[in-house]
Amino acid sequence: MKTKSIRQSVTFRASPKEVYEALMDSRRHARFTGSKASISRRVHGKIMAYDGYITGENIELEPGRRIVQSWKANDSCWKPEGHFSKATFSLKRTRTGTRLTFFQSAVPVSCYKSLRQGWHDAYWKPMKKMFEET
Protein backbone atom coordinates (compact mmCIF):
# COMPACT_ATOMS: atom_id res chain seq x y z
CA MET A 1 0.00 0.00 0.00
CA LYS A 2 1.32 3.43 -0.92
CA THR A 3 1.09 6.17 1.70
CA LYS A 4 2.00 9.83 2.01
CA SER A 5 2.51 12.25 4.89
CA ILE A 6 0.75 15.53 5.60
CA ARG A 7 2.65 18.36 7.28
CA GLN A 8 0.88 21.60 8.15
CA SER A 9 1.43 24.54 10.45
CA VAL A 10 -1.14 27.02 11.70
CA THR A 11 -1.17 29.82 14.28
CA PHE A 12 -4.05 30.47 16.66
CA ARG A 13 -4.73 33.49 18.86
CA ALA A 14 -5.07 31.26 21.91
CA SER A 15 -2.78 29.72 24.50
CA PRO A 16 -1.30 26.24 24.01
CA LYS A 17 -3.61 25.03 26.80
CA GLU A 18 -6.69 26.39 24.98
CA VAL A 19 -5.66 24.75 21.69
CA TYR A 20 -4.95 21.46 23.46
CA GLU A 21 -8.36 21.60 25.14
CA ALA A 22 -10.12 22.34 21.84
CA LEU A 23 -8.65 19.15 20.41
CA MET A 24 -8.98 16.94 23.52
CA ASP A 25 -12.21 18.05 25.22
CA SER A 26 -15.20 16.31 23.63
CA ARG A 27 -17.55 19.27 24.09
CA ARG A 28 -15.10 21.89 22.81
CA HIS A 29 -14.17 19.65 19.89
CA ALA A 30 -17.86 19.24 19.02
CA ARG A 31 -18.33 23.00 19.34
CA PHE A 32 -15.87 23.95 16.60
CA THR A 33 -16.63 20.98 14.33
CA GLY A 34 -20.40 21.06 14.74
CA SER A 35 -20.35 17.25 15.01
CA LYS A 36 -20.43 14.67 17.78
CA ALA A 37 -17.07 13.83 19.37
CA SER A 38 -16.00 11.47 22.15
CA ILE A 39 -12.34 11.91 23.05
CA SER A 40 -10.64 10.10 25.89
CA ARG A 41 -8.11 12.14 27.85
CA ARG A 42 -6.03 9.06 28.63
CA VAL A 43 -3.18 7.33 26.80
CA HIS A 44 -4.62 4.28 24.98
CA GLY A 45 -8.08 5.84 25.29
CA LYS A 46 -10.36 5.84 22.24
CA ILE A 47 -11.15 8.87 20.10
CA MET A 48 -14.13 9.50 17.83
CA ALA A 49 -14.93 12.72 15.97
CA TYR A 50 -17.15 13.97 13.18
CA ASP A 51 -19.99 11.60 14.10
CA GLY A 52 -17.70 8.57 13.74
CA TYR A 53 -15.92 9.62 10.53
CA ILE A 54 -12.68 9.76 12.55
CA THR A 55 -11.70 7.00 14.99
CA GLY A 56 -8.49 6.06 16.73
CA GLU A 57 -6.60 6.02 19.98
CA ASN A 58 -4.35 8.31 22.00
CA ILE A 59 -0.71 7.21 21.87
CA GLU A 60 0.99 10.10 23.71
CA LEU A 61 -0.46 13.06 25.60
CA GLU A 62 1.47 16.03 27.00
CA PRO A 63 -1.16 18.57 28.08
CA GLY A 64 -0.60 21.94 26.44
CA ARG A 65 2.32 20.59 24.38
CA ARG A 66 1.71 17.49 22.29
CA ILE A 67 -0.93 14.99 21.16
CA VAL A 68 -0.09 11.80 19.25
CA GLN A 69 -2.93 9.60 18.03
CA SER A 70 -3.52 6.58 15.84
CA TRP A 71 -6.09 7.83 13.38
CA LYS A 72 -8.27 6.60 10.52
CA ALA A 73 -11.13 7.89 8.43
CA ASN A 74 -14.34 5.99 7.78
CA ASP A 75 -14.10 6.64 4.06
CA SER A 76 -14.11 4.46 0.92
CA CYS A 77 -10.63 5.74 0.03
CA TRP A 78 -9.20 4.50 3.38
CA LYS A 79 -7.77 1.08 2.61
CA PRO A 80 -7.00 -1.42 3.90
CA GLU A 81 -9.85 -1.30 6.40
CA GLY A 82 -7.79 -1.92 9.57
CA HIS A 83 -5.03 0.56 8.66
CA PHE A 84 -4.29 3.50 10.97
CA SER A 85 -2.19 6.59 10.32
CA LYS A 86 -0.32 8.48 13.04
CA ALA A 87 -1.39 12.09 13.72
CA THR A 88 0.88 14.36 15.78
CA PHE A 89 -0.16 17.81 17.02
CA SER A 90 2.75 19.83 18.50
CA LEU A 91 1.96 23.10 20.26
CA LYS A 92 4.38 25.97 20.85
CA ARG A 93 3.66 29.34 22.44
CA THR A 94 4.32 32.36 20.24
CA ARG A 95 4.12 36.09 21.00
CA THR A 96 0.57 36.23 19.66
CA GLY A 97 -0.74 32.78 20.63
CA THR A 98 0.15 29.23 19.64
CA ARG A 99 1.77 27.63 16.64
CA LEU A 100 0.36 24.17 15.98
CA THR A 101 2.57 21.93 13.86
CA PHE A 102 0.67 18.97 12.50
CA PHE A 103 2.18 15.81 11.00
CA GLN A 104 0.19 12.81 9.81
CA SER A 105 2.08 9.81 8.47
CA ALA A 106 0.88 6.66 6.67
CA VAL A 107 -2.07 8.35 4.92
CA PRO A 108 -3.30 6.16 2.05
CA VAL A 109 -2.45 7.88 -1.26
CA SER A 110 -6.09 7.58 -2.36
CA CYS A 111 -7.18 9.78 0.61
CA TYR A 112 -4.25 12.19 0.63
CA LYS A 113 -5.69 15.17 -1.28
CA SER A 114 -9.06 15.17 0.47
CA LEU A 115 -7.51 14.79 3.94
CA ARG A 116 -4.85 17.44 3.33
CA GLN A 117 -7.60 19.93 2.42
CA GLY A 118 -9.92 18.53 5.08
CA TRP A 119 -7.58 19.49 7.93
CA HIS A 120 -7.74 23.11 6.76
CA ASP A 121 -11.48 23.18 6.15
CA ALA A 122 -12.72 21.01 9.02
CA TYR A 123 -10.17 21.81 11.74
CA TRP A 124 -7.92 24.85 11.36
CA LYS A 125 -10.51 27.31 9.93
CA PRO A 126 -13.31 26.49 12.41
CA MET A 127 -10.83 26.45 15.33
CA LYS A 128 -9.57 29.90 14.36
CA LYS A 129 -13.15 31.13 14.15
CA MET A 130 -13.98 29.67 17.58
CA PHE A 131 -10.99 31.37 19.21
CA GLU A 132 -11.88 34.69 17.55
CA GLU A 133 -15.39 34.48 19.03
CA THR A 134 -14.22 33.89 22.62
C-alpha atoms as a PDB file:
ATOM      1  CA  MET A   1       0.000   0.000   0.000  1.00  0.00           C
ATOM      2  CA  LYS A   2       1.323   3.434  -0.918  1.00  0.00           C
ATOM      3  CA  THR A   3       1.092   6.167   1.698  1.00  0.00           C
ATOM      4  CA  LYS A   4       1.998   9.832   2.015  1.00  0.00           C
ATOM      5  CA  SER A   5       2.506  12.252   4.889  1.00  0.00           C
ATOM      6  CA  ILE A   6       0.746  15.535   5.602  1.00  0.00           C
ATOM      7  CA  ARG A   7       2.654  18.356   7.281  1.00  0.00           C
ATOM      8  CA  GLN A   8       0.883  21.601   8.153  1.00  0.00           C
ATOM      9  CA  SER A   9       1.434  24.541  10.451  1.00  0.00           C
ATOM     10  CA  VAL A  10      -1.139  27.024  11.703  1.00  0.00           C
ATOM     11  CA  THR A  11      -1.165  29.817  14.282  1.00  0.00           C
ATOM     12  CA  PHE A  12      -4.047  30.474  16.661  1.00  0.00           C
ATOM     13  CA  ARG A  13      -4.735  33.492  18.860  1.00  0.00           C
ATOM     14  CA  ALA A  14      -5.070  31.258  21.906  1.00  0.00           C
ATOM     15  CA  SER A  15      -2.785  29.716  24.505  1.00  0.00           C
ATOM     16  CA  PRO A  16      -1.302  26.236  24.007  1.00  0.00           C
ATOM     17  CA  LYS A  17      -3.607  25.032  26.800  1.00  0.00           C
ATOM     18  CA  GLU A  18      -6.687  26.388  24.981  1.00  0.00           C
ATOM     19  CA  VAL A  19      -5.657  24.753  21.687  1.00  0.00           C
ATOM     20  CA  TYR A  20      -4.951  21.456  23.459  1.00  0.00           C
ATOM     21  CA  GLU A  21      -8.357  21.596  25.144  1.00  0.00           C
ATOM     22  CA  ALA A  22     -10.118  22.340  21.841  1.00  0.00           C
ATOM     23  CA  LEU A  23      -8.645  19.151  20.414  1.00  0.00           C
ATOM     24  CA  MET A  24      -8.979  16.940  23.516  1.00  0.00           C
ATOM     25  CA  ASP A  25     -12.205  18.053  25.218  1.00  0.00           C
ATOM     26  CA  SER A  26     -15.196  16.307  23.628  1.00  0.00           C
ATOM     27  CA  ARG A  27     -17.555  19.270  24.092  1.00  0.00           C
ATOM     28  CA  ARG A  28     -15.101  21.889  22.813  1.00  0.00           C
ATOM     29  CA  HIS A  29     -14.173  19.650  19.886  1.00  0.00           C
ATOM     30  CA  ALA A  30     -17.862  19.238  19.016  1.00  0.00           C
ATOM     31  CA  ARG A  31     -18.334  23.004  19.336  1.00  0.00           C
ATOM     32  CA  PHE A  32     -15.868  23.948  16.602  1.00  0.00           C
ATOM     33  CA  THR A  33     -16.632  20.976  14.330  1.00  0.00           C
ATOM     34  CA  GLY A  34     -20.400  21.061  14.736  1.00  0.00           C
ATOM     35  CA  SER A  35     -20.347  17.254  15.007  1.00  0.00           C
ATOM     36  CA  LYS A  36     -20.427  14.670  17.778  1.00  0.00           C
ATOM     37  CA  ALA A  37     -17.073  13.833  19.372  1.00  0.00           C
ATOM     38  CA  SER A  38     -15.996  11.468  22.145  1.00  0.00           C
ATOM     39  CA  ILE A  39     -12.343  11.910  23.048  1.00  0.00           C
ATOM     40  CA  SER A  40     -10.642  10.101  25.892  1.00  0.00           C
ATOM     41  CA  ARG A  41      -8.114  12.142  27.851  1.00  0.00           C
ATOM     42  CA  ARG A  42      -6.028   9.062  28.634  1.00  0.00           C
ATOM     43  CA  VAL A  43      -3.182   7.330  26.798  1.00  0.00           C
ATOM     44  CA  HIS A  44      -4.620   4.280  24.983  1.00  0.00           C
ATOM     45  CA  GLY A  45      -8.083   5.842  25.292  1.00  0.00           C
ATOM     46  CA  LYS A  46     -10.356   5.836  22.237  1.00  0.00           C
ATOM     47  CA  ILE A  47     -11.145   8.868  20.105  1.00  0.00           C
ATOM     48  CA  MET A  48     -14.132   9.502  17.825  1.00  0.00           C
ATOM     49  CA  ALA A  49     -14.931  12.717  15.969  1.00  0.00           C
ATOM     50  CA  TYR A  50     -17.151  13.975  13.183  1.00  0.00           C
ATOM     51  CA  ASP A  51     -19.989  11.601  14.105  1.00  0.00           C
ATOM     52  CA  GLY A  52     -17.705   8.570  13.735  1.00  0.00           C
ATOM     53  CA  TYR A  53     -15.922   9.619  10.533  1.00  0.00           C
ATOM     54  CA  ILE A  54     -12.678   9.758  12.555  1.00  0.00           C
ATOM     55  CA  THR A  55     -11.697   6.999  14.987  1.00  0.00           C
ATOM     56  CA  GLY A  56      -8.495   6.056  16.728  1.00  0.00           C
ATOM     57  CA  GLU A  57      -6.604   6.016  19.985  1.00  0.00           C
ATOM     58  CA  ASN A  58      -4.348   8.309  22.002  1.00  0.00           C
ATOM     59  CA  ILE A  59      -0.711   7.209  21.867  1.00  0.00           C
ATOM     60  CA  GLU A  60       0.986  10.099  23.707  1.00  0.00           C
ATOM     61  CA  LEU A  61      -0.456  13.057  25.598  1.00  0.00           C
ATOM     62  CA  GLU A  62       1.472  16.026  27.000  1.00  0.00           C
ATOM     63  CA  PRO A  63      -1.157  18.572  28.085  1.00  0.00           C
ATOM     64  CA  GLY A  64      -0.598  21.939  26.437  1.00  0.00           C
ATOM     65  CA  ARG A  65       2.317  20.595  24.385  1.00  0.00           C
ATOM     66  CA  ARG A  66       1.705  17.486  22.288  1.00  0.00           C
ATOM     67  CA  ILE A  67      -0.931  14.989  21.160  1.00  0.00           C
ATOM     68  CA  VAL A  68      -0.087  11.797  19.253  1.00  0.00           C
ATOM     69  CA  GLN A  69      -2.931   9.597  18.032  1.00  0.00           C
ATOM     70  CA  SER A  70      -3.521   6.576  15.843  1.00  0.00           C
ATOM     71  CA  TRP A  71      -6.091   7.833  13.376  1.00  0.00           C
ATOM     72  CA  LYS A  72      -8.269   6.602  10.525  1.00  0.00           C
ATOM     73  CA  ALA A  73     -11.129   7.886   8.433  1.00  0.00           C
ATOM     74  CA  ASN A  74     -14.342   5.992   7.783  1.00  0.00           C
ATOM     75  CA  ASP A  75     -14.099   6.644   4.056  1.00  0.00           C
ATOM     76  CA  SER A  76     -14.115   4.464   0.919  1.00  0.00           C
ATOM     77  CA  CYS A  77     -10.627   5.745   0.033  1.00  0.00           C
ATOM     78  CA  TRP A  78      -9.201   4.504   3.383  1.00  0.00           C
ATOM     79  CA  LYS A  79      -7.770   1.078   2.609  1.00  0.00           C
ATOM     80  CA  PRO A  80      -7.000  -1.422   3.902  1.00  0.00           C
ATOM     81  CA  GLU A  81      -9.848  -1.296   6.396  1.00  0.00           C
ATOM     82  CA  GLY A  82      -7.789  -1.920   9.568  1.00  0.00           C
ATOM     83  CA  HIS A  83      -5.034   0.557   8.665  1.00  0.00           C
ATOM     84  CA  PHE A  84      -4.290   3.504  10.967  1.00  0.00           C
ATOM     85  CA  SER A  85      -2.186   6.592  10.322  1.00  0.00           C
ATOM     86  CA  LYS A  86      -0.319   8.479  13.043  1.00  0.00           C
ATOM     87  CA  ALA A  87      -1.387  12.087  13.717  1.00  0.00           C
ATOM     88  CA  THR A  88       0.877  14.362  15.785  1.00  0.00           C
ATOM     89  CA  PHE A  89      -0.159  17.813  17.018  1.00  0.00           C
ATOM     90  CA  SER A  90       2.747  19.828  18.502  1.00  0.00           C
ATOM     91  CA  LEU A  91       1.958  23.103  20.264  1.00  0.00           C
ATOM     92  CA  LYS A  92       4.380  25.966  20.847  1.00  0.00           C
ATOM     93  CA  ARG A  93       3.662  29.339  22.438  1.00  0.00           C
ATOM     94  CA  THR A  94       4.320  32.361  20.241  1.00  0.00           C
ATOM     95  CA  ARG A  95       4.118  36.089  21.003  1.00  0.00           C
ATOM     96  CA  THR A  96       0.568  36.225  19.663  1.00  0.00           C
ATOM     97  CA  GLY A  97      -0.744  32.780  20.627  1.00  0.00           C
ATOM     98  CA  THR A  98       0.149  29.232  19.645  1.00  0.00           C
ATOM     99  CA  ARG A  99       1.773  27.632  16.639  1.00  0.00           C
ATOM    100  CA  LEU A 100       0.356  24.175  15.977  1.00  0.00           C
ATOM    101  CA  THR A 101       2.566  21.934  13.856  1.00  0.00           C
ATOM    102  CA  PHE A 102       0.671  18.968  12.496  1.00  0.00           C
ATOM    103  CA  PHE A 103       2.183  15.814  10.998  1.00  0.00           C
ATOM    104  CA  GLN A 104       0.186  12.807   9.808  1.00  0.00           C
ATOM    105  CA  SER A 105       2.078   9.807   8.467  1.00  0.00           C
ATOM    106  CA  ALA A 106       0.875   6.662   6.665  1.00  0.00           C
ATOM    107  CA  VAL A 107      -2.071   8.355   4.923  1.00  0.00           C
ATOM    108  CA  PRO A 108      -3.301   6.155   2.050  1.00  0.00           C
ATOM    109  CA  VAL A 109      -2.454   7.878  -1.255  1.00  0.00           C
ATOM    110  CA  SER A 110      -6.088   7.582  -2.357  1.00  0.00           C
ATOM    111  CA  CYS A 111      -7.180   9.777   0.607  1.00  0.00           C
ATOM    112  CA  TYR A 112      -4.246  12.193   0.627  1.00  0.00           C
ATOM    113  CA  LYS A 113      -5.687  15.171  -1.281  1.00  0.00           C
ATOM    114  CA  SER A 114      -9.058  15.173   0.469  1.00  0.00           C
ATOM    115  CA  LEU A 115      -7.512  14.791   3.935  1.00  0.00           C
ATOM    116  CA  ARG A 116      -4.853  17.439   3.329  1.00  0.00           C
ATOM    117  CA  GLN A 117      -7.602  19.928   2.421  1.00  0.00           C
ATOM    118  CA  GLY A 118      -9.922  18.528   5.081  1.00  0.00           C
ATOM    119  CA  TRP A 119      -7.585  19.492   7.925  1.00  0.00           C
ATOM    120  CA  HIS A 120      -7.741  23.112   6.764  1.00  0.00           C
ATOM    121  CA  ASP A 121     -11.483  23.180   6.153  1.00  0.00           C
ATOM    122  CA  ALA A 122     -12.722  21.009   9.023  1.00  0.00           C
ATOM    123  CA  TYR A 123     -10.169  21.806  11.742  1.00  0.00           C
ATOM    124  CA  TRP A 124      -7.925  24.848  11.364  1.00  0.00           C
ATOM    125  CA  LYS A 125     -10.506  27.310   9.933  1.00  0.00           C
ATOM    126  CA  PRO A 126     -13.305  26.494  12.411  1.00  0.00           C
ATOM    127  CA  MET A 127     -10.828  26.448  15.329  1.00  0.00           C
ATOM    128  CA  LYS A 128      -9.574  29.899  14.356  1.00  0.00           C
ATOM    129  CA  LYS A 129     -13.148  31.128  14.151  1.00  0.00           C
ATOM    130  CA  MET A 130     -13.981  29.668  17.577  1.00  0.00           C
ATOM    131  CA  PHE A 131     -10.986  31.373  19.207  1.00  0.00           C
ATOM    132  CA  GLU A 132     -11.882  34.695  17.554  1.00  0.00           C
ATOM    133  CA  GLU A 133     -15.391  34.484  19.033  1.00  0.00           C
ATOM    134  CA  THR A 134     -14.217  33.893  22.619  1.00  0.00           C
END
